Amino acid sequence: MPKIYDFNVEDAHGKPQPLSQYQGKLLLVVNTASKCGYTPQYKDLQELYNNWHARGLEILAFPCNQFGKQEQGSNEEIQQFCQINYGLTFPVFAKIEVNGENAHPLYQYLTTQDQANPDGKIRWNFTKFLIGQNGEVVNRYEPAINPLDIGAEIQKLLENK
């Protein structure tokens, strides 16, 4: 069975990025969109990143246009939107699909790791996966869960590594 560190993703410029570079870090993996009712969560994700990055948290954002066509822009336009509107300093990768036969292998893997959601399907933008320092999925949070509400769990995992 693969681990999250076995996957490669593309950065916003199309360059392959091995997730092995995040080995030993606590990861929050999020599918995102620029024109979604949950888009303001970018602000809260950045706050989490500011608070916990120095202690070992990495936030990995993956834009996706599969839900309501709320991420139609190019990778460059998405990056500009994130910088201008939210000043993001965590990585926003190339746009991917998270469901269906063209789902990125990372999301094919993540959606099979969720015991509470047997079909594994991502239901909307801003679904979050918390990945422990050992590379295993700790928890999945549906879009309505505010990122700041995950802060206590992040703190606990960072303190107990």
C-alpha atoms as a PDB file:
ATOM      1  CA  MET A   1       0.000   0.000   0.000  1.00  0.00           C
ATOM      2  CA  PRO A   2       1.453   3.403  -0.936  1.00  0.00           C
ATOM      3  CA  LYS A   3       1.999   6.176   1.576  1.00  0.00           C
ATOM      4  CA  ILE A   4       1.326   9.830   0.912  1.00  0.00           C
ATOM      5  CA  TYR A   5       5.069  10.372   0.473  1.00  0.00           C
ATOM      6  CA  ASP A   6       5.104   8.086  -2.567  1.00  0.00           C
ATOM      7  CA  PHE A   7       3.169  10.599  -4.688  1.00  0.00           C
ATOM      8  CA  ASN A   8       4.326  13.429  -6.886  1.00  0.00           C
ATOM      9  CA  VAL A   9       2.253  16.508  -7.619  1.00  0.00           C
ATOM     10  CA  GLU A  10       2.801  19.449  -9.923  1.00  0.00           C
ATOM     11  CA  ASP A  11       3.454  22.922  -8.655  1.00  0.00           C
ATOM     12  CA  ALA A  12       1.626  25.843 -10.263  1.00  0.00           C
ATOM     13  CA  HIS A  13       4.298  25.980 -12.985  1.00  0.00           C
ATOM     14  CA  GLY A  14       3.944  22.315 -13.925  1.00  0.00           C
ATOM     15  CA  LYS A  15       7.139  21.188 -12.199  1.00  0.00           C
ATOM     16  CA  PRO A  16       6.920  17.815 -10.424  1.00  0.00           C
ATOM     17  CA  GLN A  17       7.105  18.030  -6.655  1.00  0.00           C
ATOM     18  CA  PRO A  18       7.641  14.872  -4.599  1.00  0.00           C
ATOM     19  CA  LEU A  19       5.532  14.755  -1.466  1.00  0.00           C
ATOM     20  CA  SER A  20       8.482  12.983   0.149  1.00  0.00           C
ATOM     21  CA  GLN A  21       9.839  16.499   0.804  1.00  0.00           C
ATOM     22  CA  TYR A  22       7.171  16.751   3.524  1.00  0.00           C
ATOM     23  CA  GLN A  23       8.100  13.516   5.299  1.00  0.00           C
ATOM     24  CA  GLY A  24       7.888  13.904   9.075  1.00  0.00           C
ATOM     25  CA  LYS A  25       5.645  16.990   8.818  1.00  0.00           C
ATOM     26  CA  LEU A  26       2.014  17.316   9.832  1.00  0.00           C
ATOM     27  CA  LEU A  27       0.042  17.954   6.628  1.00  0.00           C
ATOM     28  CA  LEU A  28      -3.316  19.533   5.966  1.00  0.00           C
ATOM     29  CA  VAL A  29      -4.321  18.700   2.379  1.00  0.00           C
ATOM     30  CA  VAL A  30      -7.202  20.760   0.985  1.00  0.00           C
ATOM     31  CA  ASN A  31      -9.006  20.896  -2.370  1.00  0.00           C
ATOM     32  CA  THR A  32      -9.770  24.542  -3.043  1.00  0.00           C
ATOM     33  CA  ALA A  33     -11.626  26.896  -5.383  1.00  0.00           C
ATOM     34  CA  SER A  34     -11.543  30.657  -5.903  1.00  0.00           C
ATOM     35  CA  LYS A  35     -15.249  31.253  -6.440  1.00  0.00           C
ATOM     36  CA  CYS A  36     -16.792  29.141  -3.692  1.00  0.00           C
ATOM     37  CA  GLY A  37     -18.767  30.114  -0.614  1.00  0.00           C
ATOM     38  CA  TYR A  38     -15.952  28.500   1.383  1.00  0.00           C
ATOM     39  CA  THR A  39     -13.178  30.474  -0.357  1.00  0.00           C
ATOM     40  CA  PRO A  40     -12.788  32.777   2.701  1.00  0.00           C
ATOM     41  CA  GLN A  41     -11.344  29.705   4.455  1.00  0.00           C
ATOM     42  CA  TYR A  42      -8.099  30.622   2.682  1.00  0.00           C
ATOM     43  CA  LYS A  43      -7.715  33.355   5.333  1.00  0.00           C
ATOM     44  CA  ASP A  44      -8.127  30.840   8.153  1.00  0.00           C
ATOM     45  CA  LEU A  45      -5.812  28.325   6.480  1.00  0.00           C
ATOM     46  CA  GLN A  46      -3.171  31.058   6.288  1.00  0.00           C
ATOM     47  CA  GLU A  47      -3.695  31.821   9.986  1.00  0.00           C
ATOM     48  CA  LEU A  48      -3.176  28.136  10.847  1.00  0.00           C
ATOM     49  CA  TYR A  49      -0.053  28.139   8.708  1.00  0.00           C
ATOM     50  CA  ASN A  50       1.268  31.278  10.405  1.00  0.00           C
ATOM     51  CA  ASN A  51       0.617  29.792  13.847  1.00  0.00           C
ATOM     52  CA  TRP A  52       1.985  26.285  13.301  1.00  0.00           C
ATOM     53  CA  HIS A  53       4.332  26.165  10.322  1.00  0.00           C
ATOM     54  CA  ALA A  54       7.440  26.761  12.439  1.00  0.00           C
ATOM     55  CA  ARG A  55       6.404  23.771  14.587  1.00  0.00           C
ATOM     56  CA  GLY A  56       5.985  21.422  11.590  1.00  0.00           C
ATOM     57  CA  LEU A  57       2.632  22.077   9.895  1.00  0.00           C
ATOM     58  CA  GLU A  58       2.447  22.201   6.107  1.00  0.00           C
ATOM     59  CA  ILE A  59      -0.717  23.134   4.247  1.00  0.00           C
ATOM     60  CA  LEU A  60      -1.012  21.817   0.696  1.00  0.00           C
ATOM     61  CA  ALA A  61      -3.780  23.345  -1.435  1.00  0.00           C
ATOM     62  CA  PHE A  62      -5.027  21.709  -4.622  1.00  0.00           C
ATOM     63  CA  PRO A  63      -7.366  23.817  -6.767  1.00  0.00           C
ATOM     64  CA  CYS A  64     -10.170  21.840  -8.372  1.00  0.00           C
ATOM     65  CA  ASN A  65     -12.890  22.809 -10.864  1.00  0.00           C
ATOM     66  CA  GLN A  66     -15.125  19.765 -10.339  1.00  0.00           C
ATOM     67  CA  PHE A  67     -17.651  21.405  -8.022  1.00  0.00           C
ATOM     68  CA  GLY A  68     -19.891  24.034  -9.560  1.00  0.00           C
ATOM     69  CA  LYS A  69     -17.084  25.066 -11.945  1.00  0.00           C
ATOM     70  CA  GLN A  70     -15.805  27.355  -9.185  1.00  0.00           C
ATOM     71  CA  GLU A  71     -12.138  27.189 -10.235  1.00  0.00           C
ATOM     72  CA  GLN A  72     -12.075  27.955 -13.955  1.00  0.00           C
ATOM     73  CA  GLY A  73      -8.904  30.040 -13.992  1.00  0.00           C
ATOM     74  CA  SER A  74      -5.477  28.970 -15.148  1.00  0.00           C
ATOM     75  CA  ASN A  75      -2.833  27.988 -12.610  1.00  0.00           C
ATOM     76  CA  GLU A  76      -1.306  31.447 -13.012  1.00  0.00           C
ATOM     77  CA  GLU A  77      -4.664  33.169 -12.429  1.00  0.00           C
ATOM     78  CA  ILE A  78      -5.274  31.021  -9.344  1.00  0.00           C
ATOM     79  CA  GLN A  79      -1.873  31.980  -7.912  1.00  0.00           C
ATOM     80  CA  GLN A  80      -2.565  35.670  -8.538  1.00  0.00           C
ATOM     81  CA  PHE A  81      -5.985  35.408  -6.887  1.00  0.00           C
ATOM     82  CA  CYS A  82      -4.504  33.710  -3.813  1.00  0.00           C
ATOM     83  CA  GLN A  83      -1.722  36.286  -3.484  1.00  0.00           C
ATOM     84  CA  ILE A  84      -3.805  39.391  -4.104  1.00  0.00           C
ATOM     85  CA  ASN A  85      -6.785  38.382  -1.972  1.00  0.00           C
ATOM     86  CA  TYR A  86      -5.232  36.281   0.794  1.00  0.00           C
ATOM     87  CA  GLY A  87      -1.436  36.710   0.706  1.00  0.00           C
ATOM     88  CA  LEU A  88      -0.979  32.945   0.912  1.00  0.00           C
ATOM     89  CA  THR A  89       2.475  31.688   1.813  1.00  0.00           C
ATOM     90  CA  PHE A  90       1.685  27.957   1.771  1.00  0.00           C
ATOM     91  CA  PRO A  91       1.874  26.083  -1.535  1.00  0.00           C
ATOM     92  CA  VAL A  92      -1.051  26.144  -3.941  1.00  0.00           C
ATOM     93  CA  PHE A  93      -0.334  23.433  -6.493  1.00  0.00           C
ATOM     94  CA  ALA A  94      -1.548  22.919 -10.060  1.00  0.00           C
ATOM     95  CA  LYS A  95      -5.251  22.388 -10.605  1.00  0.00           C
ATOM     96  CA  ILE A  96      -6.313  18.729 -10.348  1.00  0.00           C
ATOM     97  CA  GLU A  97      -9.387  16.525 -10.256  1.00  0.00           C
ATOM     98  CA  VAL A  98     -10.250  14.862  -6.960  1.00  0.00           C
ATOM     99  CA  ASN A  99     -13.068  12.517  -8.042  1.00  0.00           C
ATOM    100  CA  GLY A 100     -13.740  10.168 -10.924  1.00  0.00           C
ATOM    101  CA  GLU A 101     -11.534   8.318 -13.346  1.00  0.00           C
ATOM    102  CA  ASN A 102      -9.253  11.354 -13.803  1.00  0.00           C
ATOM    103  CA  ALA A 103      -8.785  11.929 -10.089  1.00  0.00           C
ATOM    104  CA  HIS A 104      -5.179  12.616  -9.177  1.00  0.00           C
ATOM    105  CA  PRO A 105      -3.507   9.522  -7.659  1.00  0.00           C
ATOM    106  CA  LEU A 106      -3.002  11.460  -4.404  1.00  0.00           C
ATOM    107  CA  TYR A 107      -6.753  11.889  -4.039  1.00  0.00           C
ATOM    108  CA  GLN A 108      -7.426   8.329  -5.175  1.00  0.00           C
ATOM    109  CA  TYR A 109      -5.260   7.329  -2.219  1.00  0.00           C
ATOM    110  CA  LEU A 110      -6.667   9.837   0.308  1.00  0.00           C
ATOM    111  CA  THR A 111     -10.282   8.940  -0.379  1.00  0.00           C
ATOM    112  CA  THR A 112      -9.597   5.259   0.297  1.00  0.00           C
ATOM    113  CA  GLN A 113      -8.136   6.057   3.728  1.00  0.00           C
ATOM    114  CA  ASP A 114     -11.318   7.468   5.230  1.00  0.00           C
ATOM    115  CA  GLN A 115     -13.120   4.792   7.238  1.00  0.00           C
ATOM    116  CA  ALA A 116     -16.043   7.082   8.127  1.00  0.00           C
ATOM    117  CA  ASN A 117     -16.806   7.798   4.462  1.00  0.00           C
ATOM    118  CA  PRO A 118     -16.976   4.395   2.738  1.00  0.00           C
ATOM    119  CA  ASP A 119     -17.470   5.711  -0.802  1.00  0.00           C
ATOM    120  CA  GLY A 120     -14.558   8.093  -0.239  1.00  0.00           C
ATOM    121  CA  LYS A 121     -15.949  10.641  -2.651  1.00  0.00           C
ATOM    122  CA  ILE A 122     -15.075  14.296  -2.140  1.00  0.00           C
ATOM    123  CA  ARG A 123     -18.375  16.136  -1.906  1.00  0.00           C
ATOM    124  CA  TRP A 124     -17.292  19.770  -2.340  1.00  0.00           C
ATOM    125  CA  ASN A 125     -14.474  22.303  -2.278  1.00  0.00           C
ATOM    126  CA  PHE A 126     -12.440  22.740   0.910  1.00  0.00           C
ATOM    127  CA  THR A 127     -12.565  19.140   2.077  1.00  0.00           C
ATOM    128  CA  LYS A 128      -9.561  18.777   4.381  1.00  0.00           C
ATOM    129  CA  PHE A 129      -7.361  15.776   5.208  1.00  0.00           C
ATOM    130  CA  LEU A 130      -5.090  15.927   8.245  1.00  0.00           C
ATOM    131  CA  ILE A 131      -2.069  13.677   7.721  1.00  0.00           C
ATOM    132  CA  GLY A 132       0.077  12.739  10.713  1.00  0.00           C
ATOM    133  CA  GLN A 133       3.855  12.951  10.794  1.00  0.00           C
ATOM    134  CA  ASN A 134       3.926   9.214  10.008  1.00  0.00           C
ATOM    135  CA  GLY A 135       2.124   9.819   6.685  1.00  0.00           C
ATOM    136  CA  GLU A 136      -1.211   8.299   7.695  1.00  0.00           C
ATOM    137  CA  VAL A 137      -4.576  10.044   7.483  1.00  0.00           C
ATOM    138  CA  VAL A 138      -5.571  11.175  10.975  1.00  0.00           C
ATOM    139  CA  ASN A 139      -8.877  12.803  10.104  1.00  0.00           C
ATOM    140  CA  ARG A 140     -11.032  14.138   7.310  1.00  0.00           C
ATOM    141  CA  TYR A 141     -13.024  17.343   7.656  1.00  0.00           C
ATOM    142  CA  GLU A 142     -15.901  18.278   5.426  1.00  0.00           C
ATOM    143  CA  PRO A 143     -15.983  21.757   3.861  1.00  0.00           C
ATOM    144  CA  ALA A 144     -18.205  23.384   6.508  1.00  0.00           C
ATOM    145  CA  ILE A 145     -15.569  22.716   9.185  1.00  0.00           C
ATOM    146  CA  ASN A 146     -13.615  25.920   9.637  1.00  0.00           C
ATOM    147  CA  PRO A 147      -9.850  25.373   9.504  1.00  0.00           C
ATOM    148  CA  LEU A 148      -9.406  27.212  12.819  1.00  0.00           C
ATOM    149  CA  ASP A 149     -11.592  24.566  14.472  1.00  0.00           C
ATOM    150  CA  ILE A 150      -8.864  22.048  13.647  1.00  0.00           C
ATOM    151  CA  GLY A 151      -6.248  24.082  15.522  1.00  0.00           C
ATOM    152  CA  ALA A 152      -6.501  22.174  18.802  1.00  0.00           C
ATOM    153  CA  GLU A 153      -5.996  18.853  17.038  1.00  0.00           C
ATOM    154  CA  ILE A 154      -3.045  20.272  15.104  1.00  0.00           C
ATOM    155  CA  GLN A 155      -1.477  21.541  18.327  1.00  0.00           C
ATOM    156  CA  LYS A 156      -1.942  18.172  20.025  1.00  0.00           C
ATOM    157  CA  LEU A 157      -0.376  16.263  17.117  1.00  0.00           C
ATOM    158  CA  LEU A 158       2.578  18.651  16.921  1.00  0.00           C
ATOM    159  CA  GLU A 159       3.195  18.406  20.655  1.00  0.00           C
ATOM    160  CA  ASN A 160       3.001  14.591  20.658  1.00  0.00           C
ATOM    161  CA  LYS A 161       5.222  13.858  17.689  1.00  0.00           C
END
